[in-house]
C-alpha atoms as a PDB file:
ATOM      1  CA  UNK A   1       7.695   3.500  -9.997  1.00  0.00           C
ATOM      2  CA  UNK A   2       9.152   6.841  -8.892  1.00  0.00           C
ATOM      3  CA  UNK A   3       8.278  10.314 -10.196  1.00  0.00           C
ATOM      4  CA  UNK A   4      11.058  10.409 -12.804  1.00  0.00           C
ATOM      5  CA  UNK A   5      10.028   7.011 -14.162  1.00  0.00           C
ATOM      6  CA  UNK A   6       6.422   8.201 -14.419  1.00  0.00           C
ATOM      7  CA  UNK A   7       7.535  11.351 -16.270  1.00  0.00           C
ATOM      8  CA  UNK A   8       9.673   9.224 -18.621  1.00  0.00           C
ATOM      9  CA  UNK A   9       6.665   6.977 -19.299  1.00  0.00           C
ATOM     10  CA  UNK A  10       4.462  10.015 -20.014  1.00  0.00           C
ATOM     11  CA  UNK A  11       7.099  11.297 -22.454  1.00  0.00           C
ATOM     12  CA  UNK A  12       7.314   7.922 -24.228  1.00  0.00           C
ATOM     13  CA  UNK A  13       3.526   7.649 -24.503  1.00  0.00           C
ATOM     14  CA  UNK A  14       3.270  11.231 -25.780  1.00  0.00           C
ATOM     15  CA  UNK A  15       5.997  10.593 -28.371  1.00  0.00           C
ATOM     16  CA  UNK A  16       4.137   7.516 -29.614  1.00  0.00           C
ATOM     17  CA  UNK A  17       0.889   9.483 -29.731  1.00  0.00           C
ATOM     18  CA  UNK A  18       2.492  12.244 -31.815  1.00  0.00           C
ATOM     19  CA  UNK A  19       4.106   9.744 -34.175  1.00  0.00           C
ATOM     20  CA  UNK A  20       0.814   7.937 -34.700  1.00  0.00           C
ATOM     21  CA  UNK A  21      -0.979  11.199 -35.428  1.00  0.00           C
ATOM     22  CA  UNK A  22       1.685  12.117 -37.986  1.00  0.00           C
ATOM     23  CA  UNK A  23       1.140   8.777 -39.774  1.00  0.00           C
ATOM     24  CA  UNK A  24      -2.491   9.657 -40.408  1.00  0.00           C
ATOM     25  CA  UNK A  25      -4.311   7.360 -38.045  1.00  0.00           C
ATOM     26  CA  UNK A  26      -6.715   6.063 -40.682  1.00  0.00           C
ATOM     27  CA  UNK A  27      -3.813   4.611 -42.662  1.00  0.00           C
ATOM     28  CA  UNK A  28      -2.634   2.534 -39.694  1.00  0.00           C
ATOM     29  CA  UNK A  29      -4.687  -0.585 -38.879  1.00  0.00           C
ATOM     30  CA  UNK A  30      -6.102  -0.118 -35.390  1.00  0.00           C
ATOM     31  CA  UNK A  31      -4.642   3.386 -35.255  1.00  0.00           C
ATOM     32  CA  UNK A  32      -7.736   5.070 -33.846  1.00  0.00           C
ATOM     33  CA  UNK A  33      -8.019   2.515 -31.056  1.00  0.00           C
ATOM     34  CA  UNK A  34      -4.335   2.888 -30.227  1.00  0.00           C
ATOM     35  CA  UNK A  35      -4.688   6.687 -30.119  1.00  0.00           C
ATOM     36  CA  UNK A  36      -7.460   6.348 -27.567  1.00  0.00           C
ATOM     37  CA  UNK A  37      -5.413   3.846 -25.511  1.00  0.00           C
ATOM     38  CA  UNK A  38      -2.448   6.220 -25.488  1.00  0.00           C
ATOM     39  CA  UNK A  39      -4.548   9.197 -24.424  1.00  0.00           C
ATOM     40  CA  UNK A  40      -6.068   7.208 -21.551  1.00  0.00           C
ATOM     41  CA  UNK A  41      -2.649   5.886 -20.466  1.00  0.00           C
ATOM     42  CA  UNK A  42      -1.214   9.413 -20.469  1.00  0.00           C
ATOM     43  CA  UNK A  43      -4.130  10.624 -18.318  1.00  0.00           C
ATOM     44  CA  UNK A  44      -3.652   7.707 -15.918  1.00  0.00           C
ATOM     45  CA  UNK A  45       0.057   8.435 -15.519  1.00  0.00           C
ATOM     46  CA  UNK A  46      -0.545  12.158 -14.925  1.00  0.00           C
ATOM     47  CA  UNK A  47      -3.117  11.183 -12.297  1.00  0.00           C
ATOM     48  CA  UNK A  48      -0.597   8.831 -10.677  1.00  0.00           C
ATOM     49  CA  UNK A  49       2.014  11.588 -10.585  1.00  0.00           C
ATOM     50  CA  UNK A  50      -0.480  13.977  -8.965  1.00  0.00           C
ATOM     51  CA  UNK A  51      -1.428  11.334  -6.390  1.00  0.00           C
ATOM     52  CA  UNK A  52       2.243  10.816  -5.511  1.00  0.00           C
ATOM     53  CA  UNK A  53       2.790  14.560  -5.174  1.00  0.00           C
ATOM     54  CA  UNK A  54      -0.228  14.845  -2.869  1.00  0.00           C
ATOM     55  CA  UNK A  55       1.095  12.014  -0.686  1.00  0.00           C
ATOM     56  CA  UNK A  56       4.478  13.746  -0.473  1.00  0.00           C
ATOM     57  CA  UNK A  57       2.868  17.088   0.342  1.00  0.00           C
ATOM     58  CA  UNK A  58       0.921  15.600   3.246  1.00  0.00           C
ATOM     59  CA  UNK A  59       3.789  13.473   4.540  1.00  0.00           C
ATOM     60  CA  UNK A  60       2.436  10.071   3.572  1.00  0.00           C
ATOM     61  CA  UNK A  61       4.085   7.381   1.476  1.00  0.00           C
ATOM     62  CA  UNK A  62       3.959   8.267  -2.257  1.00  0.00           C
ATOM     63  CA  UNK A  63       4.327   4.567  -3.078  1.00  0.00           C
ATOM     64  CA  UNK A  64       0.796   4.100  -1.748  1.00  0.00           C
ATOM     65  CA  UNK A  65      -0.474   5.783  -4.939  1.00  0.00           C
ATOM     66  CA  UNK A  66      -1.580   3.562  -7.788  1.00  0.00           C
ATOM     67  CA  UNK A  67      -2.849   3.769 -11.325  1.00  0.00           C
ATOM     68  CA  UNK A  68      -6.611   4.241 -11.211  1.00  0.00           C
ATOM     69  CA  UNK A  69      -9.002   2.551 -13.656  1.00  0.00           C
ATOM     70  CA  UNK A  70      -9.508   4.294 -16.996  1.00  0.00           C
ATOM     71  CA  UNK A  71     -13.187   4.896 -16.308  1.00  0.00           C
ATOM     72  CA  UNK A  72     -12.394   6.734 -13.107  1.00  0.00           C
ATOM     73  CA  UNK A  73      -9.631   8.899 -14.559  1.00  0.00           C
ATOM     74  CA  UNK A  74     -11.537   9.711 -17.727  1.00  0.00           C
ATOM     75  CA  UNK A  75     -14.636  10.614 -15.697  1.00  0.00           C
ATOM     76  CA  UNK A  76     -13.012  13.524 -13.869  1.00  0.00           C
ATOM     77  CA  UNK A  77     -14.550  16.933 -14.376  1.00  0.00           C
ATOM     78  CA  UNK A  78     -12.132  19.530 -15.703  1.00  0.00           C
END
């Protein structure tokens, strides 16, 4: 997956997240769980994009970057 594909995926996930929020999550069966899944997936894809950019910056192969586990990405300190 290249950088533009990752950005497109982030946009699609964000669009779905916004749409779900507009539908009032409680009215959608499993909506709260899906919201959480989307938020984690967005974080994972942003992390992947940052990894790729770091590889490019330091002259290594950006394709060596990979999606990290949710627990790792969600455990980062801001």
